[in-house]
N, C-alpha and C. Protein backbone atom coordinates (compact mmCIF):
# COMPACT_ATOMS: atom_id res chain seq x y z
N MET A 1 80.35 142.34 25.31
CA MET A 1 81.31 143.40 25.29
C MET A 1 81.05 144.31 26.47
N ILE A 2 82.07 144.61 27.19
CA ILE A 2 81.95 145.50 28.34
C ILE A 2 82.80 146.72 28.07
N PHE A 3 82.19 147.87 28.16
CA PHE A 3 82.92 149.11 28.01
C PHE A 3 83.40 149.53 29.39
N ASN A 4 84.62 150.04 29.45
CA ASN A 4 85.10 150.45 30.76
C ASN A 4 84.38 151.72 31.18
N GLU A 5 84.56 152.09 32.40
CA GLU A 5 83.79 153.20 32.99
C GLU A 5 84.34 154.58 32.65
N THR A 6 85.30 154.67 31.73
CA THR A 6 85.78 155.98 31.33
C THR A 6 84.74 156.65 30.45
N ASN A 7 84.93 157.92 30.23
CA ASN A 7 83.97 158.66 29.42
C ASN A 7 84.09 158.38 27.93
N VAL A 8 85.28 157.95 27.50
CA VAL A 8 85.51 157.74 26.07
C VAL A 8 86.22 156.40 25.85
N ASN A 9 85.70 155.64 24.91
CA ASN A 9 86.34 154.41 24.45
C ASN A 9 86.57 154.56 22.96
N VAL A 10 87.78 154.33 22.50
CA VAL A 10 88.11 154.48 21.09
C VAL A 10 88.44 153.10 20.53
N VAL A 11 87.80 152.79 19.40
CA VAL A 11 88.09 151.54 18.70
C VAL A 11 88.59 151.94 17.31
N SER A 12 89.84 151.66 17.04
CA SER A 12 90.43 151.99 15.75
C SER A 12 90.43 150.75 14.87
N LEU A 13 89.98 150.92 13.65
CA LEU A 13 89.92 149.82 12.69
C LEU A 13 90.91 149.99 11.55
N LYS A 14 91.91 150.85 11.76
CA LYS A 14 92.81 151.16 10.66
C LYS A 14 93.69 149.99 10.24
N SER A 15 93.89 149.00 11.09
CA SER A 15 94.78 147.90 10.73
C SER A 15 94.04 146.58 10.48
N VAL A 16 92.73 146.65 10.25
CA VAL A 16 91.98 145.42 9.98
C VAL A 16 91.51 145.41 8.52
N ASN A 17 91.19 144.23 8.03
CA ASN A 17 90.78 144.12 6.62
C ASN A 17 89.36 144.67 6.42
N LYS A 18 88.97 144.79 5.17
CA LYS A 18 87.69 145.42 4.80
C LYS A 18 86.48 144.67 5.37
N ASP A 19 86.55 143.34 5.41
CA ASP A 19 85.43 142.56 5.96
C ASP A 19 85.18 142.91 7.42
N ILE A 20 86.25 143.00 8.19
CA ILE A 20 86.13 143.32 9.62
C ILE A 20 85.71 144.77 9.80
N GLN A 21 86.15 145.65 8.91
CA GLN A 21 85.74 147.05 8.99
C GLN A 21 84.24 147.22 8.81
N MET A 22 83.60 146.29 8.15
CA MET A 22 82.15 146.35 7.98
C MET A 22 81.44 145.65 9.13
N LEU A 23 82.02 144.56 9.63
CA LEU A 23 81.38 143.73 10.64
C LEU A 23 81.51 144.32 12.05
N LEU A 24 82.69 144.74 12.41
CA LEU A 24 82.93 145.17 13.79
C LEU A 24 82.10 146.39 14.22
N PRO A 25 81.97 147.43 13.40
CA PRO A 25 81.11 148.55 13.82
C PRO A 25 79.66 148.13 14.07
N MET A 26 79.16 147.19 13.22
CA MET A 26 77.80 146.72 13.42
C MET A 26 77.68 145.99 14.75
N LEU A 27 78.67 145.13 15.06
CA LEU A 27 78.63 144.40 16.33
C LEU A 27 78.73 145.34 17.53
N ILE A 28 79.64 146.30 17.45
CA ILE A 28 79.78 147.27 18.54
C ILE A 28 78.47 148.04 18.73
N ALA A 29 77.89 148.50 17.63
CA ALA A 29 76.64 149.26 17.70
C ALA A 29 75.51 148.40 18.27
N LYS A 30 75.35 147.20 17.76
CA LYS A 30 74.25 146.32 18.19
C LYS A 30 74.38 145.94 19.66
N ILE A 31 75.56 145.51 20.07
CA ILE A 31 75.75 145.07 21.45
C ILE A 31 75.64 146.24 22.43
N SER A 32 76.30 147.35 22.11
CA SER A 32 76.25 148.50 23.03
C SER A 32 74.84 149.08 23.11
N TYR A 33 74.12 149.11 21.98
CA TYR A 33 72.74 149.60 21.98
C TYR A 33 71.84 148.70 22.82
N ASP A 34 71.95 147.39 22.64
CA ASP A 34 71.13 146.46 23.41
C ASP A 34 71.41 146.58 24.91
N ILE A 35 72.68 146.68 25.28
CA ILE A 35 73.04 146.83 26.69
C ILE A 35 72.48 148.14 27.25
N HIS A 36 72.70 149.23 26.51
CA HIS A 36 72.25 150.54 26.99
C HIS A 36 70.72 150.59 27.08
N ARG A 37 70.03 150.04 26.11
CA ARG A 37 68.56 150.02 26.11
C ARG A 37 68.02 149.20 27.28
N ASP A 38 68.62 148.03 27.51
CA ASP A 38 68.14 147.15 28.57
C ASP A 38 68.44 147.69 29.97
N GLN A 39 69.49 148.50 30.09
CA GLN A 39 69.86 149.07 31.39
C GLN A 39 69.63 150.57 31.39
N PHE A 40 68.61 151.01 30.68
CA PHE A 40 68.37 152.44 30.48
C PHE A 40 68.25 153.20 31.80
N ASP A 41 69.01 154.28 31.87
CA ASP A 41 69.02 155.17 33.02
C ASP A 41 68.98 156.59 32.44
N HIS A 42 68.00 157.38 32.85
CA HIS A 42 67.85 158.74 32.30
C HIS A 42 69.07 159.62 32.52
N ASP A 43 69.91 159.27 33.47
CA ASP A 43 71.09 160.08 33.78
C ASP A 43 72.29 159.73 32.91
N LYS A 44 72.21 158.67 32.13
CA LYS A 44 73.35 158.25 31.31
C LYS A 44 72.98 158.26 29.84
N ILE A 45 73.89 158.81 29.05
CA ILE A 45 73.70 158.76 27.60
C ILE A 45 74.89 158.02 26.99
N PHE A 46 74.68 157.54 25.79
CA PHE A 46 75.72 156.85 25.04
C PHE A 46 75.74 157.49 23.66
N ASN A 47 76.89 157.94 23.22
CA ASN A 47 77.02 158.54 21.90
C ASN A 47 78.05 157.75 21.12
N LEU A 48 77.59 157.03 20.12
CA LEU A 48 78.48 156.27 19.25
C LEU A 48 78.86 157.18 18.08
N ILE A 49 80.14 157.40 17.90
CA ILE A 49 80.62 158.25 16.81
C ILE A 49 81.25 157.35 15.76
N VAL A 50 80.75 157.47 14.54
CA VAL A 50 81.25 156.66 13.43
C VAL A 50 81.92 157.60 12.44
N ASP A 51 83.25 157.50 12.36
CA ASP A 51 84.01 158.29 11.41
C ASP A 51 84.10 157.51 10.10
N GLU A 52 84.22 158.22 9.00
CA GLU A 52 84.22 157.59 7.68
C GLU A 52 82.95 156.74 7.50
N ALA A 53 81.83 157.31 7.90
CA ALA A 53 80.55 156.60 7.91
C ALA A 53 80.13 156.11 6.53
N HIS A 54 80.56 156.78 5.49
CA HIS A 54 80.19 156.36 4.14
C HIS A 54 80.73 154.96 3.82
N ASN A 55 81.80 154.54 4.51
CA ASN A 55 82.33 153.19 4.32
C ASN A 55 81.52 152.15 5.08
N ILE A 56 80.93 152.53 6.18
CA ILE A 56 80.25 151.59 7.06
C ILE A 56 78.74 151.57 6.84
N LEU A 57 78.16 152.70 6.48
CA LEU A 57 76.70 152.81 6.36
C LEU A 57 76.24 152.92 4.90
N SER A 58 77.06 152.46 4.00
CA SER A 58 76.76 152.55 2.58
C SER A 58 75.77 151.48 2.14
N GLU A 59 74.88 151.86 1.26
CA GLU A 59 73.96 150.91 0.64
C GLU A 59 74.61 150.23 -0.55
N ASN A 60 75.74 150.75 -1.01
CA ASN A 60 76.38 150.26 -2.22
C ASN A 60 77.56 149.34 -1.96
N SER A 61 77.62 148.73 -0.81
CA SER A 61 78.75 147.87 -0.47
C SER A 61 78.75 146.60 -1.32
N THR A 62 79.93 146.24 -1.80
CA THR A 62 80.08 144.99 -2.55
C THR A 62 80.94 144.00 -1.79
N VAL A 63 81.36 144.36 -0.59
CA VAL A 63 82.25 143.52 0.21
C VAL A 63 81.50 142.33 0.80
N GLU A 64 80.23 142.51 1.14
CA GLU A 64 79.48 141.48 1.85
C GLU A 64 78.27 141.03 1.04
N SER A 65 77.65 139.98 1.51
CA SER A 65 76.44 139.49 0.83
C SER A 65 75.30 140.47 1.06
N GLU A 66 74.29 140.37 0.24
CA GLU A 66 73.11 141.24 0.34
C GLU A 66 72.43 141.09 1.71
N LYS A 67 72.37 139.86 2.21
CA LYS A 67 71.72 139.59 3.50
C LYS A 67 72.46 140.30 4.64
N TRP A 68 73.78 140.20 4.65
CA TRP A 68 74.56 140.87 5.70
C TRP A 68 74.47 142.39 5.58
N LYS A 69 74.47 142.89 4.35
CA LYS A 69 74.36 144.35 4.15
C LYS A 69 73.03 144.83 4.70
N ASP A 70 71.95 144.10 4.41
CA ASP A 70 70.64 144.48 4.92
C ASP A 70 70.59 144.46 6.44
N TYR A 71 71.20 143.43 7.04
CA TYR A 71 71.21 143.34 8.49
C TYR A 71 72.02 144.48 9.11
N ARG A 72 73.19 144.77 8.52
CA ARG A 72 74.04 145.86 9.02
C ARG A 72 73.28 147.18 8.97
N LEU A 73 72.63 147.46 7.86
CA LEU A 73 71.88 148.71 7.75
C LEU A 73 70.68 148.72 8.69
N ASP A 74 70.01 147.58 8.86
CA ASP A 74 68.88 147.50 9.79
C ASP A 74 69.30 147.83 11.21
N VAL A 75 70.47 147.38 11.62
CA VAL A 75 70.97 147.67 12.97
C VAL A 75 71.13 149.17 13.15
N PHE A 76 71.81 149.82 12.23
CA PHE A 76 72.04 151.25 12.36
C PHE A 76 70.75 152.06 12.17
N GLU A 77 69.87 151.59 11.31
CA GLU A 77 68.59 152.29 11.12
C GLU A 77 67.72 152.20 12.36
N GLU A 78 67.71 151.07 13.03
CA GLU A 78 66.98 150.95 14.29
C GLU A 78 67.55 151.91 15.34
N ILE A 79 68.86 152.00 15.39
CA ILE A 79 69.49 152.90 16.37
C ILE A 79 69.11 154.35 16.10
N VAL A 80 69.16 154.79 14.84
CA VAL A 80 68.84 156.19 14.58
C VAL A 80 67.36 156.48 14.75
N LYS A 81 66.50 155.49 14.57
CA LYS A 81 65.06 155.71 14.74
C LYS A 81 64.63 155.62 16.19
N GLU A 82 65.16 154.67 16.94
CA GLU A 82 64.68 154.38 18.29
C GLU A 82 65.64 154.78 19.41
N GLY A 83 66.91 154.96 19.09
CA GLY A 83 67.93 155.16 20.12
C GLY A 83 67.75 156.38 21.00
N ARG A 84 67.27 157.48 20.43
CA ARG A 84 67.16 158.72 21.20
C ARG A 84 66.30 158.57 22.45
N LYS A 85 65.23 157.80 22.37
CA LYS A 85 64.37 157.67 23.54
C LYS A 85 65.03 156.87 24.66
N PHE A 86 66.12 156.17 24.35
CA PHE A 86 66.88 155.44 25.36
C PHE A 86 68.19 156.13 25.70
N GLY A 87 68.38 157.35 25.21
CA GLY A 87 69.61 158.07 25.49
C GLY A 87 70.81 157.54 24.71
N TYR A 88 70.56 156.92 23.58
CA TYR A 88 71.62 156.37 22.73
C TYR A 88 71.64 157.18 21.44
N TYR A 89 72.75 157.81 21.16
CA TYR A 89 72.84 158.70 20.01
C TYR A 89 73.92 158.22 19.05
N LEU A 90 73.71 158.51 17.78
CA LEU A 90 74.66 158.16 16.74
C LEU A 90 75.13 159.44 16.07
N THR A 91 76.43 159.65 16.08
CA THR A 91 77.03 160.79 15.40
C THR A 91 77.85 160.21 14.25
N ILE A 92 77.61 160.73 13.06
CA ILE A 92 78.35 160.22 11.92
C ILE A 92 79.16 161.34 11.27
N ALA A 93 80.33 160.97 10.79
CA ALA A 93 81.19 161.90 10.06
C ALA A 93 81.49 161.24 8.71
N SER A 94 81.31 162.01 7.65
CA SER A 94 81.50 161.43 6.33
C SER A 94 81.93 162.50 5.34
N GLN A 95 82.76 162.09 4.40
CA GLN A 95 83.12 162.97 3.29
C GLN A 95 82.16 162.78 2.12
N ARG A 96 81.39 161.70 2.16
CA ARG A 96 80.44 161.40 1.09
C ARG A 96 79.08 161.01 1.67
N PRO A 97 78.34 161.96 2.20
CA PRO A 97 77.04 161.62 2.81
C PRO A 97 76.04 161.04 1.82
N SER A 98 76.22 161.27 0.54
CA SER A 98 75.29 160.72 -0.45
C SER A 98 75.38 159.19 -0.53
N ASP A 99 76.48 158.61 -0.05
CA ASP A 99 76.64 157.15 -0.06
C ASP A 99 75.96 156.48 1.12
N ILE A 100 75.54 157.26 2.11
CA ILE A 100 74.94 156.71 3.33
C ILE A 100 73.47 156.42 3.08
N SER A 101 72.98 155.37 3.72
CA SER A 101 71.57 154.95 3.60
C SER A 101 70.64 156.15 3.76
N ALA A 102 69.67 156.26 2.87
CA ALA A 102 68.71 157.37 2.91
C ALA A 102 67.92 157.39 4.21
N THR A 103 67.61 156.23 4.77
CA THR A 103 66.88 156.17 6.04
C THR A 103 67.70 156.79 7.16
N ILE A 104 68.98 156.50 7.18
CA ILE A 104 69.85 157.06 8.22
C ILE A 104 69.97 158.57 8.05
N VAL A 105 70.21 159.02 6.83
CA VAL A 105 70.35 160.45 6.57
C VAL A 105 69.06 161.20 6.90
N SER A 106 67.92 160.58 6.70
CA SER A 106 66.64 161.25 6.97
C SER A 106 66.43 161.51 8.47
N GLN A 107 67.15 160.81 9.32
CA GLN A 107 67.01 160.98 10.77
C GLN A 107 68.00 161.99 11.35
N ILE A 108 68.87 162.53 10.52
CA ILE A 108 69.87 163.48 11.00
C ILE A 108 69.20 164.82 11.28
N HIS A 109 69.49 165.37 12.45
CA HIS A 109 68.87 166.63 12.84
C HIS A 109 69.80 167.83 12.71
N ASN A 110 71.08 167.60 12.82
CA ASN A 110 72.04 168.70 12.73
C ASN A 110 73.16 168.33 11.76
N TYR A 111 73.54 169.29 10.95
CA TYR A 111 74.63 169.10 10.00
C TYR A 111 75.73 170.06 10.35
N LEU A 112 76.95 169.61 10.25
CA LEU A 112 78.12 170.46 10.39
C LEU A 112 78.89 170.29 9.10
N ILE A 113 78.95 171.35 8.32
CA ILE A 113 79.62 171.28 7.02
C ILE A 113 80.90 172.08 7.13
N LYS A 114 81.99 171.41 6.78
CA LYS A 114 83.30 172.01 6.96
C LYS A 114 84.13 171.79 5.71
N ARG A 115 84.93 172.77 5.39
CA ARG A 115 85.83 172.63 4.23
C ARG A 115 87.23 172.43 4.67
């Protein structure tokens, strides 16, 4: 996957089925993280923003097999644990943060609570 050189790339998943909504964010995160880590430059940062994160980072998913769920969560957990030292950041937006993996939530440093 090659991201163009603009400052913002938007990937909308509103017209895809539930299986792809779980798979595609993991692939985007994994591939972009690996590329950014391998070509790390202190002058460049990458910020992946995941909206409706409770749907993507949930431990309670019944859409996929247990093995795929574990792999999906492992990808995002590695990013939140290791990504900062490579200039790769994860921003999540959720209406139900309690549904998000406890490991991911434990790495959050700033909260913005809005009504």
